[in-house]
Amino acid sequence: MNSRMFRLDFLPLLLLALAGRVQILELQLGQRVRKLLASHNIAFLYTPDGQLLGETTFDNQGRKLGSQYYLWLDETPIGGVTVAYNASGAVTFSTPFYIHSDHLNTPRLITGNTRQTLWSWDSDGFGNGQPSGAFAFNLRLPG
């Protein structure tokens, strides 16, 4: 049985949310700070106005595994870079990507340097539908 537990603090921080084996730490504005899983954890970075700037994945020993950073033009995500690290935390490679959004600033297509399609998402108006492509990308509907 999956149980959920929420513990709030007097500070604007949701300290803990448990759903099975996942622990999530969030700010009161809905900004996820950290996601703790059995095999790894993810730290999230935001701009002062609440836009997601990046995600970094760590193993359980605290070593960086990979990062994904986002570039915004006002409210529209327009690109980013995916970064991989070696065991000592040094960057082994970084790859830029380009985000093509619709009129609602919802990412619909991601292309690489040679204009190849890395990811696409043809959802309905409610966000139902799975993206296609092996590229890992977590931004969806704005707001």
N, C-alpha and C. Protein backbone atom coordinates (compact mmCIF):
# COMPACT_ATOMS: atom_id res chain seq x y z
N MET A 1 0.84 -1.18 0.00
CA MET A 1 0.00 0.00 0.00
C MET A 1 0.88 1.24 0.00
N ASN A 2 0.63 2.16 -0.91
CA ASN A 2 1.38 3.41 -0.94
C ASN A 2 0.77 4.39 0.04
N SER A 3 1.57 4.87 0.95
CA SER A 3 1.10 5.86 1.91
C SER A 3 1.76 7.19 1.60
N ARG A 4 1.07 8.23 1.95
CA ARG A 4 1.61 9.57 1.74
C ARG A 4 1.60 10.31 3.06
N MET A 5 2.67 11.04 3.31
CA MET A 5 2.78 11.80 4.53
C MET A 5 3.33 13.17 4.18
N PHE A 6 2.73 14.20 4.74
CA PHE A 6 3.20 15.56 4.52
C PHE A 6 3.49 16.19 5.86
N ARG A 7 4.63 16.82 5.98
CA ARG A 7 5.00 17.50 7.21
C ARG A 7 5.38 18.93 6.84
N LEU A 8 4.69 19.90 7.42
CA LEU A 8 4.94 21.30 7.13
C LEU A 8 5.67 21.95 8.28
N ASP A 9 6.46 22.95 7.94
CA ASP A 9 7.21 23.71 8.92
C ASP A 9 6.63 25.12 8.95
N PHE A 10 6.98 25.91 9.94
CA PHE A 10 6.52 27.29 9.99
C PHE A 10 7.22 28.13 8.93
N LEU A 11 8.35 27.66 8.43
CA LEU A 11 9.01 28.31 7.30
C LEU A 11 8.28 27.92 6.03
N PRO A 12 8.46 28.69 4.94
CA PRO A 12 7.74 28.34 3.71
C PRO A 12 8.37 27.14 3.01
N LEU A 13 8.36 25.99 3.69
CA LEU A 13 9.00 24.80 3.15
C LEU A 13 8.18 23.57 3.50
N LEU A 14 7.82 22.82 2.48
CA LEU A 14 7.22 21.52 2.71
C LEU A 14 8.38 20.58 2.94
N LEU A 15 8.54 20.14 4.17
CA LEU A 15 9.74 19.40 4.54
C LEU A 15 9.80 18.00 3.96
N LEU A 16 8.68 17.34 3.90
CA LEU A 16 8.75 15.94 3.51
C LEU A 16 7.43 15.50 2.90
N ALA A 17 7.52 14.84 1.79
CA ALA A 17 6.35 14.20 1.19
C ALA A 17 6.76 12.79 0.81
N LEU A 18 6.10 11.83 1.37
CA LEU A 18 6.45 10.43 1.09
C LEU A 18 5.36 9.80 0.24
N ALA A 19 5.75 9.15 -0.80
CA ALA A 19 4.82 8.37 -1.63
C ALA A 19 5.56 7.10 -1.99
N GLY A 20 5.36 6.07 -1.21
CA GLY A 20 6.13 4.85 -1.43
C GLY A 20 7.56 5.07 -1.00
N ARG A 21 8.51 5.01 -1.94
CA ARG A 21 9.93 5.15 -1.62
C ARG A 21 10.50 6.48 -2.08
N VAL A 22 9.66 7.43 -2.48
CA VAL A 22 10.12 8.72 -2.98
C VAL A 22 9.91 9.77 -1.91
N GLN A 23 10.93 10.57 -1.65
CA GLN A 23 10.82 11.70 -0.73
C GLN A 23 11.06 12.97 -1.54
N ILE A 24 10.19 13.96 -1.35
CA ILE A 24 10.29 15.20 -2.10
C ILE A 24 10.29 16.37 -1.12
N LEU A 25 11.24 17.27 -1.29
CA LEU A 25 11.29 18.50 -0.51
C LEU A 25 10.89 19.65 -1.43
N GLU A 26 9.91 20.45 -1.01
CA GLU A 26 9.42 21.55 -1.83
C GLU A 26 9.35 22.83 -1.04
N LEU A 27 9.52 23.95 -1.75
CA LEU A 27 9.24 25.26 -1.19
C LEU A 27 7.74 25.49 -1.25
N GLN A 28 7.27 26.47 -0.50
CA GLN A 28 5.84 26.73 -0.44
C GLN A 28 5.28 27.16 -1.79
N LEU A 29 6.09 27.74 -2.65
CA LEU A 29 5.64 28.18 -3.96
C LEU A 29 5.53 27.03 -4.95
N GLY A 30 5.74 25.81 -4.49
CA GLY A 30 5.64 24.65 -5.36
C GLY A 30 6.93 24.31 -6.07
N GLN A 31 8.01 24.95 -5.69
CA GLN A 31 9.30 24.67 -6.31
C GLN A 31 9.93 23.47 -5.60
N ARG A 32 10.14 22.42 -6.36
CA ARG A 32 10.76 21.22 -5.82
C ARG A 32 12.24 21.50 -5.60
N VAL A 33 12.74 21.28 -4.40
CA VAL A 33 14.13 21.52 -4.07
C VAL A 33 14.96 20.26 -4.24
N ARG A 34 14.43 19.14 -3.78
CA ARG A 34 15.17 17.89 -3.86
C ARG A 34 14.19 16.73 -3.95
N LYS A 35 14.57 15.74 -4.76
CA LYS A 35 13.80 14.51 -4.89
C LYS A 35 14.74 13.37 -4.53
N LEU A 36 14.39 12.62 -3.49
CA LEU A 36 15.23 11.53 -2.99
C LEU A 36 14.61 10.19 -3.38
N LEU A 37 15.37 9.41 -4.14
CA LEU A 37 14.95 8.08 -4.57
C LEU A 37 15.87 7.04 -3.95
N ALA A 38 15.54 5.78 -4.10
CA ALA A 38 16.37 4.73 -3.51
C ALA A 38 17.76 4.69 -4.13
N SER A 39 17.87 4.93 -5.42
CA SER A 39 19.15 4.78 -6.12
C SER A 39 19.91 6.09 -6.31
N HIS A 40 19.23 7.22 -6.26
CA HIS A 40 19.88 8.51 -6.50
C HIS A 40 18.98 9.63 -5.98
N ASN A 41 19.48 10.86 -6.04
CA ASN A 41 18.65 12.00 -5.70
C ASN A 41 18.91 13.13 -6.68
N ILE A 42 17.95 14.04 -6.78
CA ILE A 42 18.00 15.12 -7.75
C ILE A 42 17.82 16.44 -7.02
N ALA A 43 18.71 17.40 -7.29
CA ALA A 43 18.61 18.75 -6.74
C ALA A 43 18.14 19.69 -7.85
N PHE A 44 17.28 20.64 -7.51
CA PHE A 44 16.69 21.56 -8.48
C PHE A 44 17.12 22.99 -8.17
N LEU A 45 17.34 23.79 -9.21
CA LEU A 45 17.79 25.17 -9.10
C LEU A 45 16.79 26.07 -9.82
N TYR A 46 16.39 27.19 -9.18
CA TYR A 46 15.38 28.08 -9.74
C TYR A 46 15.89 29.51 -9.81
N THR A 47 15.29 30.29 -10.72
CA THR A 47 15.53 31.73 -10.77
C THR A 47 14.74 32.37 -9.63
N PRO A 48 15.02 33.64 -9.28
CA PRO A 48 14.24 34.29 -8.23
C PRO A 48 12.74 34.37 -8.54
N ASP A 49 12.37 34.39 -9.83
CA ASP A 49 10.95 34.45 -10.16
C ASP A 49 10.32 33.08 -10.37
N GLY A 50 11.04 32.01 -10.04
CA GLY A 50 10.46 30.69 -10.00
C GLY A 50 10.64 29.80 -11.21
N GLN A 51 11.39 30.23 -12.20
CA GLN A 51 11.62 29.36 -13.36
C GLN A 51 12.72 28.36 -13.06
N LEU A 52 12.53 27.13 -13.51
CA LEU A 52 13.51 26.08 -13.29
C LEU A 52 14.75 26.35 -14.14
N LEU A 53 15.90 26.49 -13.48
CA LEU A 53 17.17 26.71 -14.18
C LEU A 53 17.92 25.42 -14.44
N GLY A 54 17.77 24.45 -13.55
CA GLY A 54 18.52 23.22 -13.76
C GLY A 54 18.18 22.13 -12.78
N GLU A 55 18.62 20.93 -13.14
CA GLU A 55 18.47 19.73 -12.32
C GLU A 55 19.81 19.01 -12.32
N THR A 56 20.26 18.59 -11.16
CA THR A 56 21.50 17.81 -11.06
C THR A 56 21.20 16.52 -10.32
N THR A 57 21.62 15.40 -10.90
CA THR A 57 21.42 14.09 -10.31
C THR A 57 22.70 13.64 -9.61
N PHE A 58 22.54 13.15 -8.37
CA PHE A 58 23.64 12.66 -7.55
C PHE A 58 23.40 11.20 -7.22
N ASP A 59 24.48 10.42 -7.06
CA ASP A 59 24.31 9.07 -6.55
C ASP A 59 24.17 9.14 -5.03
N ASN A 60 23.99 8.01 -4.38
CA ASN A 60 23.78 8.00 -2.93
C ASN A 60 25.02 8.36 -2.13
N GLN A 61 26.18 8.41 -2.76
CA GLN A 61 27.40 8.85 -2.09
C GLN A 61 27.65 10.34 -2.30
N GLY A 62 26.75 11.03 -3.01
CA GLY A 62 26.87 12.46 -3.22
C GLY A 62 27.67 12.86 -4.45
N ARG A 63 28.02 11.91 -5.29
CA ARG A 63 28.77 12.23 -6.52
C ARG A 63 27.80 12.64 -7.62
N LYS A 64 28.18 13.69 -8.36
CA LYS A 64 27.36 14.15 -9.48
C LYS A 64 27.37 13.12 -10.59
N LEU A 65 26.20 12.84 -11.12
CA LEU A 65 26.08 11.93 -12.26
C LEU A 65 25.80 12.69 -13.55
N GLY A 66 24.92 13.67 -13.46
CA GLY A 66 24.56 14.44 -14.65
C GLY A 66 23.73 15.66 -14.28
N SER A 67 23.70 16.62 -15.19
CA SER A 67 22.91 17.83 -14.99
C SER A 67 22.21 18.20 -16.28
N GLN A 68 21.13 18.95 -16.13
CA GLN A 68 20.47 19.53 -17.27
C GLN A 68 20.08 20.95 -16.88
N TYR A 69 20.56 21.92 -17.66
CA TYR A 69 20.30 23.33 -17.39
C TYR A 69 19.44 23.91 -18.50
N TYR A 70 18.57 24.87 -18.15
CA TYR A 70 17.60 25.42 -19.09
C TYR A 70 17.86 26.91 -19.30
N LEU A 71 17.60 27.36 -20.53
CA LEU A 71 17.72 28.76 -20.91
C LEU A 71 16.32 29.27 -21.26
N TRP A 72 15.97 30.43 -20.71
CA TRP A 72 14.64 31.00 -20.89
C TRP A 72 14.72 32.35 -21.59
N LEU A 73 13.73 32.65 -22.40
CA LEU A 73 13.51 33.98 -22.96
C LEU A 73 12.17 34.43 -22.42
N ASP A 74 12.21 35.29 -21.42
CA ASP A 74 11.02 35.67 -20.66
C ASP A 74 10.38 34.40 -20.08
N GLU A 75 9.18 34.05 -20.50
CA GLU A 75 8.48 32.87 -19.97
C GLU A 75 8.63 31.64 -20.86
N THR A 76 9.42 31.74 -21.91
CA THR A 76 9.53 30.66 -22.89
C THR A 76 10.86 29.93 -22.75
N PRO A 77 10.83 28.61 -22.54
CA PRO A 77 12.09 27.85 -22.55
C PRO A 77 12.58 27.74 -24.00
N ILE A 78 13.86 28.10 -24.23
CA ILE A 78 14.36 28.10 -25.61
C ILE A 78 15.53 27.15 -25.83
N GLY A 79 16.14 26.66 -24.77
CA GLY A 79 17.26 25.75 -24.96
C GLY A 79 17.85 25.33 -23.64
N GLY A 80 18.98 24.65 -23.74
CA GLY A 80 19.65 24.20 -22.55
C GLY A 80 20.88 23.39 -22.88
N VAL A 81 21.44 22.80 -21.86
CA VAL A 81 22.63 21.96 -22.02
C VAL A 81 22.52 20.78 -21.07
N THR A 82 22.90 19.62 -21.58
CA THR A 82 22.99 18.41 -20.78
C THR A 82 24.46 18.15 -20.48
N VAL A 83 24.78 17.89 -19.21
CA VAL A 83 26.17 17.73 -18.77
C VAL A 83 26.32 16.36 -18.11
N ALA A 84 27.42 15.68 -18.41
CA ALA A 84 27.75 14.41 -17.74
C ALA A 84 29.07 14.59 -17.00
N TYR A 85 29.21 13.89 -15.88
CA TYR A 85 30.39 14.01 -15.02
C TYR A 85 31.06 12.65 -14.85
N ASN A 86 32.37 12.68 -14.60
CA ASN A 86 33.07 11.43 -14.26
C ASN A 86 33.02 11.23 -12.75
N ALA A 87 33.66 10.19 -12.24
CA ALA A 87 33.59 9.84 -10.82
C ALA A 87 34.17 10.91 -9.91
N SER A 88 35.09 11.74 -10.42
CA SER A 88 35.66 12.80 -9.60
C SER A 88 34.88 14.11 -9.71
N GLY A 89 33.81 14.13 -10.49
CA GLY A 89 32.98 15.32 -10.61
C GLY A 89 33.37 16.25 -11.74
N ALA A 90 34.35 15.87 -12.54
CA ALA A 90 34.75 16.70 -13.68
C ALA A 90 33.80 16.45 -14.85
N VAL A 91 33.56 17.48 -15.64
CA VAL A 91 32.67 17.38 -16.79
C VAL A 91 33.32 16.50 -17.85
N THR A 92 32.60 15.47 -18.29
CA THR A 92 33.12 14.60 -19.36
C THR A 92 32.58 15.03 -20.72
N PHE A 93 31.37 15.54 -20.77
CA PHE A 93 30.85 16.12 -22.00
C PHE A 93 29.65 16.99 -21.68
N SER A 94 29.37 17.92 -22.57
CA SER A 94 28.17 18.75 -22.47
C SER A 94 27.59 18.88 -23.87
N THR A 95 26.29 18.79 -23.95
CA THR A 95 25.60 18.82 -25.23
C THR A 95 24.47 19.85 -25.18
N PRO A 96 24.49 20.85 -26.07
CA PRO A 96 23.37 21.80 -26.10
C PRO A 96 22.14 21.19 -26.76
N PHE A 97 20.98 21.72 -26.42
CA PHE A 97 19.74 21.33 -27.08
C PHE A 97 18.87 22.58 -27.22
N TYR A 98 17.93 22.51 -28.15
CA TYR A 98 17.10 23.66 -28.49
C TYR A 98 15.64 23.27 -28.32
N ILE A 99 14.90 24.10 -27.59
CA ILE A 99 13.51 23.82 -27.25
C ILE A 99 12.60 24.63 -28.17
N HIS A 100 11.63 23.96 -28.78
CA HIS A 100 10.64 24.60 -29.63
C HIS A 100 9.30 24.48 -28.91
N SER A 101 8.74 25.62 -28.50
CA SER A 101 7.52 25.65 -27.70
C SER A 101 6.34 26.13 -28.53
N ASP A 102 5.14 25.81 -28.06
CA ASP A 102 3.93 26.29 -28.73
C ASP A 102 3.54 27.67 -28.20
N HIS A 103 2.36 28.16 -28.58
CA HIS A 103 1.90 29.49 -28.20
C HIS A 103 1.64 29.64 -26.70
N LEU A 104 1.57 28.53 -25.97
CA LEU A 104 1.37 28.57 -24.52
C LEU A 104 2.68 28.36 -23.76
N ASN A 105 3.80 28.37 -24.47
CA ASN A 105 5.14 28.14 -23.91
C ASN A 105 5.34 26.70 -23.43
N THR A 106 4.55 25.79 -23.98
CA THR A 106 4.70 24.37 -23.67
C THR A 106 5.73 23.77 -24.62
N PRO A 107 6.78 23.15 -24.10
CA PRO A 107 7.76 22.51 -24.99
C PRO A 107 7.10 21.40 -25.81
N ARG A 108 7.30 21.45 -27.12
CA ARG A 108 6.73 20.44 -28.02
C ARG A 108 7.78 19.65 -28.77
N LEU A 109 8.96 20.25 -28.98
CA LEU A 109 9.99 19.61 -29.77
C LEU A 109 11.35 20.04 -29.24
N ILE A 110 12.29 19.12 -29.18
CA ILE A 110 13.67 19.44 -28.83
C ILE A 110 14.56 18.91 -29.94
N THR A 111 15.45 19.78 -30.39
CA THR A 111 16.39 19.39 -31.44
C THR A 111 17.82 19.56 -30.93
N GLY A 112 18.73 18.87 -31.61
CA GLY A 112 20.15 18.94 -31.29
C GLY A 112 20.88 19.87 -32.24
N ASN A 113 22.21 19.84 -32.17
CA ASN A 113 23.05 20.71 -33.00
C ASN A 113 22.84 20.54 -34.49
N THR A 114 22.55 19.34 -34.93
CA THR A 114 22.38 19.09 -36.36
C THR A 114 20.91 19.05 -36.75
N ARG A 115 20.08 19.67 -35.94
CA ARG A 115 18.63 19.79 -36.17
C ARG A 115 17.89 18.45 -36.09
N GLN A 116 18.53 17.43 -35.55
CA GLN A 116 17.85 16.15 -35.39
C GLN A 116 16.87 16.25 -34.22
N THR A 117 15.75 15.58 -34.35
CA THR A 117 14.75 15.56 -33.29
C THR A 117 15.21 14.64 -32.17
N LEU A 118 15.33 15.20 -30.97
CA LEU A 118 15.73 14.42 -29.80
C LEU A 118 14.52 13.99 -28.97
N TRP A 119 13.45 14.81 -29.01
CA TRP A 119 12.31 14.62 -28.13
C TRP A 119 11.13 15.35 -28.75
N SER A 120 9.94 14.79 -28.65
CA SER A 120 8.73 15.50 -29.07
C SER A 120 7.58 15.07 -28.16
N TRP A 121 6.62 15.97 -28.02
CA TRP A 121 5.49 15.71 -27.14
C TRP A 121 4.21 16.23 -27.78
N ASP A 122 3.37 15.32 -28.22
CA ASP A 122 2.08 15.66 -28.82
C ASP A 122 0.98 15.28 -27.84
N SER A 123 0.78 16.15 -26.85
CA SER A 123 -0.23 15.87 -25.82
C SER A 123 -1.54 16.55 -26.18
N ASP A 124 -2.59 16.20 -25.43
CA ASP A 124 -3.83 16.94 -25.57
C ASP A 124 -3.75 18.20 -24.71
N GLY A 125 -4.82 18.96 -24.63
CA GLY A 125 -4.83 20.21 -23.89
C GLY A 125 -4.66 20.06 -22.39
N PHE A 126 -4.77 18.84 -21.89
CA PHE A 126 -4.63 18.58 -20.46
C PHE A 126 -3.28 17.96 -20.11
N GLY A 127 -2.41 17.82 -21.09
CA GLY A 127 -1.09 17.26 -20.85
C GLY A 127 -1.03 15.75 -20.90
N ASN A 128 -2.11 15.11 -21.35
CA ASN A 128 -2.11 13.65 -21.46
C ASN A 128 -1.35 13.23 -22.71
N GLY A 129 -0.54 12.23 -22.57
CA GLY A 129 0.26 11.74 -23.68
C GLY A 129 1.72 11.66 -23.29
N GLN A 130 2.39 10.65 -23.78
CA GLN A 130 3.79 10.44 -23.45
C GLN A 130 4.69 11.05 -24.52
N PRO A 131 5.81 11.63 -24.13
CA PRO A 131 6.76 12.14 -25.13
C PRO A 131 7.44 11.00 -25.85
N SER A 132 7.95 11.30 -27.03
CA SER A 132 8.71 10.30 -27.78
C SER A 132 10.17 10.72 -27.83
N GLY A 133 11.04 9.76 -27.94
CA GLY A 133 12.47 10.03 -27.98
C GLY A 133 13.14 9.58 -26.70
N ALA A 134 14.42 9.25 -26.81
CA ALA A 134 15.18 8.77 -25.66
C ALA A 134 15.73 9.90 -24.80
N PHE A 135 15.64 11.13 -25.27
CA PHE A 135 16.15 12.29 -24.54
C PHE A 135 15.31 12.51 -23.29
N ALA A 136 15.95 12.67 -22.14
CA ALA A 136 15.26 12.91 -20.87
C ALA A 136 15.01 14.40 -20.71
N PHE A 137 13.73 14.77 -20.62
CA PHE A 137 13.35 16.18 -20.50
C PHE A 137 12.09 16.26 -19.66
N ASN A 138 12.13 17.05 -18.57
CA ASN A 138 11.05 17.04 -17.60
C ASN A 138 10.12 18.24 -17.64
N LEU A 139 10.42 19.28 -18.40
CA LEU A 139 9.50 20.42 -18.47
C LEU A 139 8.27 20.02 -19.27
N ARG A 140 7.10 20.44 -18.80
CA ARG A 140 5.86 20.15 -19.52
C ARG A 140 5.03 21.43 -19.58
N LEU A 141 3.77 21.36 -19.20
CA LEU A 141 2.89 22.52 -19.26
C LEU A 141 3.38 23.61 -18.31
N PRO A 142 3.36 24.89 -18.72
CA PRO A 142 3.78 25.96 -17.82
C PRO A 142 2.79 26.13 -16.67
N GLY A 143 3.32 26.64 -15.55
CA GLY A 143 2.48 26.92 -14.40
C GLY A 143 2.41 25.80 -13.53
